[in-house]
Protein backbone atom coordinates (compact mmCIF):
# COMPACT_ATOMS: atom_id res chain seq x y z
CA UNK A 1 -0.27 157.33 43.67
CA UNK A 2 3.06 155.55 43.89
CA UNK A 3 2.45 152.39 45.92
CA UNK A 4 4.73 149.67 47.28
CA UNK A 5 3.39 147.13 44.77
CA UNK A 6 4.04 149.47 41.84
CA UNK A 7 7.59 150.17 43.03
CA UNK A 8 8.24 146.44 43.45
CA UNK A 9 7.01 145.78 39.89
CA UNK A 10 9.04 148.60 38.38
CA UNK A 11 12.31 147.62 36.70
CA UNK A 12 13.84 151.05 37.29
CA UNK A 13 12.62 151.76 40.83
CA UNK A 14 12.67 148.35 42.46
CA UNK A 15 15.83 147.85 44.54
CA UNK A 16 14.78 145.18 47.04
CA UNK A 17 17.21 143.52 49.42
CA UNK A 18 16.47 141.07 52.18
CA UNK A 19 17.66 141.20 55.78
CA UNK A 20 18.19 138.07 57.86
CA UNK A 21 18.31 138.38 61.64
CA UNK A 22 19.35 135.26 63.58
CA UNK A 23 19.12 135.37 67.37
CA UNK A 24 20.66 132.86 69.77
CA UNK A 25 20.38 133.84 73.40
CA UNK A 26 22.05 137.25 73.69
CA UNK A 27 23.86 136.86 70.35
CA UNK A 28 22.57 138.40 67.15
CA UNK A 29 23.77 137.64 63.62
CA UNK A 30 22.52 140.14 61.03
CA UNK A 31 23.06 139.61 57.29
CA UNK A 32 21.86 141.23 54.08
CA UNK A 33 21.64 140.04 50.49
CA UNK A 34 22.86 143.47 49.41
CA UNK A 35 26.44 144.33 48.53
CA UNK A 36 26.96 146.90 51.30
CA UNK A 37 26.46 147.15 55.04
CA UNK A 38 22.88 148.10 55.87
CA UNK A 39 21.86 150.07 58.98
CA UNK A 40 18.33 148.97 59.82
CA UNK A 41 15.72 150.66 62.00
CA UNK A 42 16.50 148.17 64.81
CA UNK A 43 19.93 149.78 65.15
CA UNK A 44 21.80 146.74 63.84
CA UNK A 45 24.23 146.78 60.96
CA UNK A 46 23.42 143.96 58.52
CA UNK A 47 26.55 142.67 56.83
CA UNK A 48 26.67 141.33 53.24
CA UNK A 49 26.66 137.53 53.00
CA UNK A 50 25.93 135.13 50.11
CA UNK A 51 22.61 134.00 51.54
CA UNK A 52 19.46 132.80 49.78
CA UNK A 53 16.20 131.13 50.66
CA UNK A 54 13.48 128.95 49.25
CA UNK A 55 10.04 130.20 48.32
CA UNK A 56 7.81 131.14 51.25
CA UNK A 57 4.66 129.02 51.25
CA UNK A 58 1.71 129.61 53.57
CA UNK A 59 -0.18 126.37 54.01
CA UNK A 60 -1.61 124.16 56.71
CA UNK A 61 1.04 121.54 55.98
CA UNK A 62 3.89 122.23 58.41
CA UNK A 63 6.42 120.42 56.20
CA UNK A 64 5.60 122.58 53.18
CA UNK A 65 5.59 125.75 55.29
CA UNK A 66 9.23 125.37 56.31
CA UNK A 67 11.82 127.75 54.89
CA UNK A 68 15.21 126.61 53.58
CA UNK A 69 18.04 129.12 53.97
CA UNK A 70 21.41 128.55 52.27
CA UNK A 71 24.56 130.31 53.49
CA UNK A 72 28.30 129.60 53.87
CA UNK A 73 28.93 126.58 56.06
CA UNK A 74 31.64 128.33 58.06
CA UNK A 75 29.42 131.25 59.10
CA UNK A 76 28.49 131.44 62.82
CA UNK A 77 24.88 130.23 62.67
CA UNK A 78 25.44 126.80 61.03
CA UNK A 79 28.39 126.20 63.36
CA UNK A 80 25.98 126.34 66.30
CA UNK A 81 24.59 123.01 65.02
CA UNK A 82 27.94 121.43 64.17
CA UNK A 83 28.28 119.01 67.10
CA UNK A 84 24.88 119.15 68.80
CA UNK A 85 21.65 121.09 68.97
CA UNK A 86 22.12 124.45 70.69
CA UNK A 87 20.61 124.68 74.14
CA UNK A 88 18.98 128.03 73.38
CA UNK A 89 16.58 128.39 70.48
CA UNK A 90 17.91 129.92 67.27
CA UNK A 91 15.28 132.21 65.75
CA UNK A 92 15.11 133.87 62.36
CA UNK A 93 13.38 136.99 61.10
CA UNK A 94 13.48 137.92 57.42
CA UNK A 95 12.72 141.46 56.25
CA UNK A 96 12.32 142.76 52.71
CA UNK A 97 13.65 146.30 52.21
CA UNK A 98 13.34 148.57 49.20
CA UNK A 99 16.10 151.16 48.82
CA UNK A 100 13.92 153.40 46.70
CA UNK A 101 11.31 153.76 49.44
CA UNK A 102 13.95 154.57 52.04
CA UNK A 103 15.65 157.14 49.78
CA UNK A 104 12.39 158.86 48.79
CA UNK A 105 10.76 159.25 52.18
CA UNK A 106 12.01 162.79 52.64
CA UNK A 107 12.04 163.86 48.97
CA UNK A 108 8.83 162.62 47.36
CA UNK A 109 5.43 164.20 47.86
CA UNK A 110 3.78 160.95 46.80
CA UNK A 111 5.19 158.69 49.53
CA UNK A 112 4.35 159.29 53.15
CA UNK A 113 6.35 157.44 55.85
CA UNK A 114 3.25 156.87 57.96
CA UNK A 115 1.55 155.07 55.06
CA UNK A 116 4.44 153.19 53.45
CA UNK A 117 6.97 151.33 55.65
CA UNK A 118 10.57 150.98 54.51
CA UNK A 119 10.53 147.26 55.22
CA UNK A 120 8.14 144.34 55.39
CA UNK A 121 8.49 141.30 57.63
CA UNK A 122 8.10 138.22 55.44
CA UNK A 123 9.10 135.40 57.82
CA UNK A 124 9.44 134.73 61.55
CA UNK A 125 10.35 131.35 62.92
CA UNK A 126 12.93 129.06 64.44
CA UNK A 127 15.89 127.18 62.99
CA UNK A 128 15.32 123.48 63.65
CA UNK A 129 17.99 121.78 61.56
CA UNK A 130 21.26 122.36 59.72
CA UNK A 131 22.77 120.23 56.98
CA UNK A 132 26.00 120.67 55.00
CA UNK A 133 26.83 120.17 51.33
CA UNK A 134 30.56 120.76 50.90
CA UNK A 135 31.06 124.42 51.87
CA UNK A 136 27.37 125.38 51.93
CA UNK A 137 24.99 124.91 54.85
CA UNK A 138 21.22 124.68 54.56
CA UNK A 139 19.11 125.73 57.54
CA UNK A 140 15.58 124.40 57.90
CA UNK A 141 13.35 126.95 59.60
CA UNK A 142 9.83 126.36 60.92
CA UNK A 143 7.42 129.31 61.13
CA UNK A 144 6.04 130.21 64.54
CA UNK A 145 2.55 129.26 63.37
CA UNK A 146 3.70 125.67 62.86
CA UNK A 147 5.41 125.57 66.25
CA UNK A 148 2.21 126.75 67.94
CA UNK A 149 0.29 123.84 66.42
CA UNK A 150 2.77 121.30 67.73
CA UNK A 151 1.18 118.97 70.26
CA UNK A 152 3.32 117.95 73.19
CA UNK A 153 2.71 115.63 76.11
CA UNK A 154 2.51 117.66 79.32
CA UNK A 155 2.48 114.96 81.99
CA UNK A 156 3.04 111.22 81.78
CA UNK A 157 1.45 108.61 83.99
CA UNK A 158 4.72 107.20 85.26
CA UNK A 159 6.56 106.36 88.42
CA UNK A 160 9.38 108.81 87.68
CA UNK A 161 8.97 112.50 88.41
CA UNK A 162 7.66 114.53 85.47
CA UNK A 163 9.74 117.57 86.40
CA UNK A 164 13.24 118.27 85.15
CA UNK A 165 15.71 118.70 87.96
CA UNK A 166 16.30 122.36 88.87
CA UNK A 167 13.41 123.68 86.74
CA UNK A 168 10.72 125.97 88.15
CA UNK A 169 8.35 123.15 89.05
CA UNK A 170 11.09 121.11 90.67
CA UNK A 171 11.88 124.10 92.86
CA UNK A 172 15.52 123.27 93.58
CA UNK A 173 18.15 125.97 93.11
CA UNK A 174 21.08 124.60 91.14
CA UNK A 175 23.55 126.88 92.94
CA UNK A 176 22.86 125.04 96.21
CA UNK A 177 24.09 121.74 94.75
CA UNK A 178 27.05 122.80 92.59
CA UNK A 179 30.80 122.59 92.97
CA UNK A 180 33.52 124.12 90.80
CA UNK A 181 36.26 121.94 89.34
CA UNK A 182 39.12 122.51 86.88
CA UNK A 183 39.57 120.66 83.59
CA UNK A 184 42.95 118.94 83.40
CA UNK A 185 42.52 116.96 80.16
CA UNK A 186 40.04 116.55 77.30
CA UNK A 187 39.23 113.26 75.54
CA UNK A 188 36.72 111.85 73.04
CA UNK A 189 36.32 115.18 71.20
CA UNK A 190 35.24 116.88 74.41
CA UNK A 191 32.71 114.31 75.59
CA UNK A 192 35.06 113.16 78.35
CA UNK A 193 36.72 115.66 80.68
CA UNK A 194 39.33 114.92 83.31
CA UNK A 195 39.01 117.12 86.40
CA UNK A 196 41.33 117.90 89.28
CA UNK A 197 39.01 116.83 92.13
CA UNK A 198 35.50 116.12 93.25
CA UNK A 199 33.76 116.33 96.63
CA UNK A 200 31.28 113.44 96.39
CA UNK A 201 31.05 109.79 95.29
CA UNK A 202 30.56 108.95 91.62
CA UNK A 203 26.82 108.22 91.92
CA UNK A 204 26.21 111.73 93.24
CA UNK A 205 26.76 113.23 89.77
CA UNK A 206 24.94 110.68 87.58
CA UNK A 207 22.16 112.35 85.51
CA UNK A 208 23.40 115.73 86.72
CA UNK A 209 24.35 118.89 84.91
CA UNK A 210 27.61 120.62 84.00
CA UNK A 211 28.05 124.21 82.87
CA UNK A 212 31.00 126.15 81.53
CA UNK A 213 29.60 129.67 81.58
CA UNK A 214 26.52 129.47 83.80
CA UNK A 215 24.07 129.55 80.89
CA UNK A 216 24.82 126.56 78.64
CA UNK A 217 24.40 123.21 80.34
CA UNK A 218 25.35 119.66 79.38
CA UNK A 219 23.92 116.45 80.80
CA UNK A 220 26.34 114.37 82.82
CA UNK A 221 26.06 110.69 81.96
CA UNK A 222 28.26 109.79 84.90
CA UNK A 223 31.60 110.24 86.59
CA UNK A 224 34.17 107.48 87.03
CA UNK A 225 37.00 108.56 89.27
CA UNK A 226 37.96 111.95 87.88
CA UNK A 227 36.55 111.37 84.39
CA UNK A 228 33.36 113.29 83.59
CA UNK A 229 31.31 111.76 80.77
CA UNK A 230 29.05 114.28 79.02
CA UNK A 231 26.18 113.68 76.63
CA UNK A 232 27.60 116.37 74.31
CA UNK A 233 30.76 118.49 74.44
CA UNK A 234 31.16 122.17 75.28
CA UNK A 235 32.15 124.41 72.39
CA UNK A 236 35.58 125.95 72.83
CA UNK A 237 36.42 124.30 76.14
CA UNK A 238 40.14 124.00 76.89
CA UNK A 239 42.46 122.67 79.57
CA UNK A 240 42.47 124.93 82.61
CA UNK A 241 38.83 126.02 82.24
CA UNK A 242 36.58 125.72 85.27
CA UNK A 243 33.20 124.01 85.10
CA UNK A 244 30.40 123.70 87.62
CA UNK A 245 29.06 120.23 88.37
CA UNK A 246 25.58 119.83 89.88
CA UNK A 247 24.13 116.85 91.72
CA UNK A 248 22.18 114.47 89.52
CA UNK A 249 18.62 113.19 89.74
CA UNK A 250 17.21 110.10 88.04
CA UNK A 251 13.60 111.13 88.67
CA UNK A 252 12.96 108.48 91.32
CA UNK A 253 11.28 109.15 94.65
CA UNK A 254 14.50 108.11 96.40
CA UNK A 255 16.44 110.75 94.51
CA UNK A 256 13.83 113.34 95.42
CA UNK A 257 14.12 112.35 99.09
CA UNK A 258 17.90 112.79 98.87
CA UNK A 259 17.29 116.44 97.97
CA UNK A 260 14.69 116.75 100.74
CA UNK A 261 12.30 117.86 97.99
CA UNK A 262 9.62 115.17 97.99
CA UNK A 263 6.82 117.75 98.33
CA UNK A 264 7.47 118.71 94.70
CA UNK A 265 7.66 115.13 93.42
CA UNK A 266 5.29 114.52 90.48
CA UNK A 267 5.37 110.80 89.91
CA UNK A 268 2.76 108.08 90.40
CA UNK A 269 4.12 105.51 92.80
CA UNK A 270 0.98 103.34 92.93
CA UNK A 271 1.19 102.15 89.33
CA UNK A 272 0.86 98.31 89.40
CA UNK A 273 4.08 96.54 88.51
CA UNK A 274 2.39 93.22 87.58
CA UNK A 275 0.34 92.63 84.45
CA UNK A 276 -2.86 90.71 85.38
CA UNK A 277 -3.14 89.32 81.86
CA UNK A 278 0.22 87.57 81.81
């Protein structure tokens, strides 16, 4: 019987190509190592791109399990990492497709579609880093199995609140504490924005959030007069755009009281401030 392994080993029948599907929020970037557009079973058209990868290694060592993907540095995915880490995760799925299997499904009595898939998933993970070498970018991708083994601190024994402002555990709705302003000038490569007005004192916005489109947020380091200082710039922002500024929170109990939200405060205020050994 003609099997997948025999077709892959055959010099005359083997026509494998690989499909790379990057996902960032609602955006999808689909590429193929083949020379023509490829319509996959997910309904996406995978476009040809000079893209290659390192060998896939399955091991308990997370560093050795990572996948290196090389592609043009000016393609959309590497540009997501150009100035800062994207707010939304960038995921990657890699499929291996054999043209012979797809072509023969309806013509060969030896290959049954229910027994032999037209593609095989060979990698699923997340892009964690991008580096550039002249015109080529290299993406470092961690498999989901490695991400699941990652140990993270859930709660710290600290005086500051463990919640992030406006998250589910904090309970505040960001729309109740936002105001819309217009950008009048851009400085410091987008890290400093001049706005037309503001409704509150400067301290009101420190450690707050700013958003350009309602989905991507930037931390506000502070506002001095009408200058908004961001931790990282917005991509594609221009003069005349409107941004939403939200009240800041430094995680202190006083800040939580200012929101009238102390019932959701998760800090430990009874931690001794004096060291008995010094």
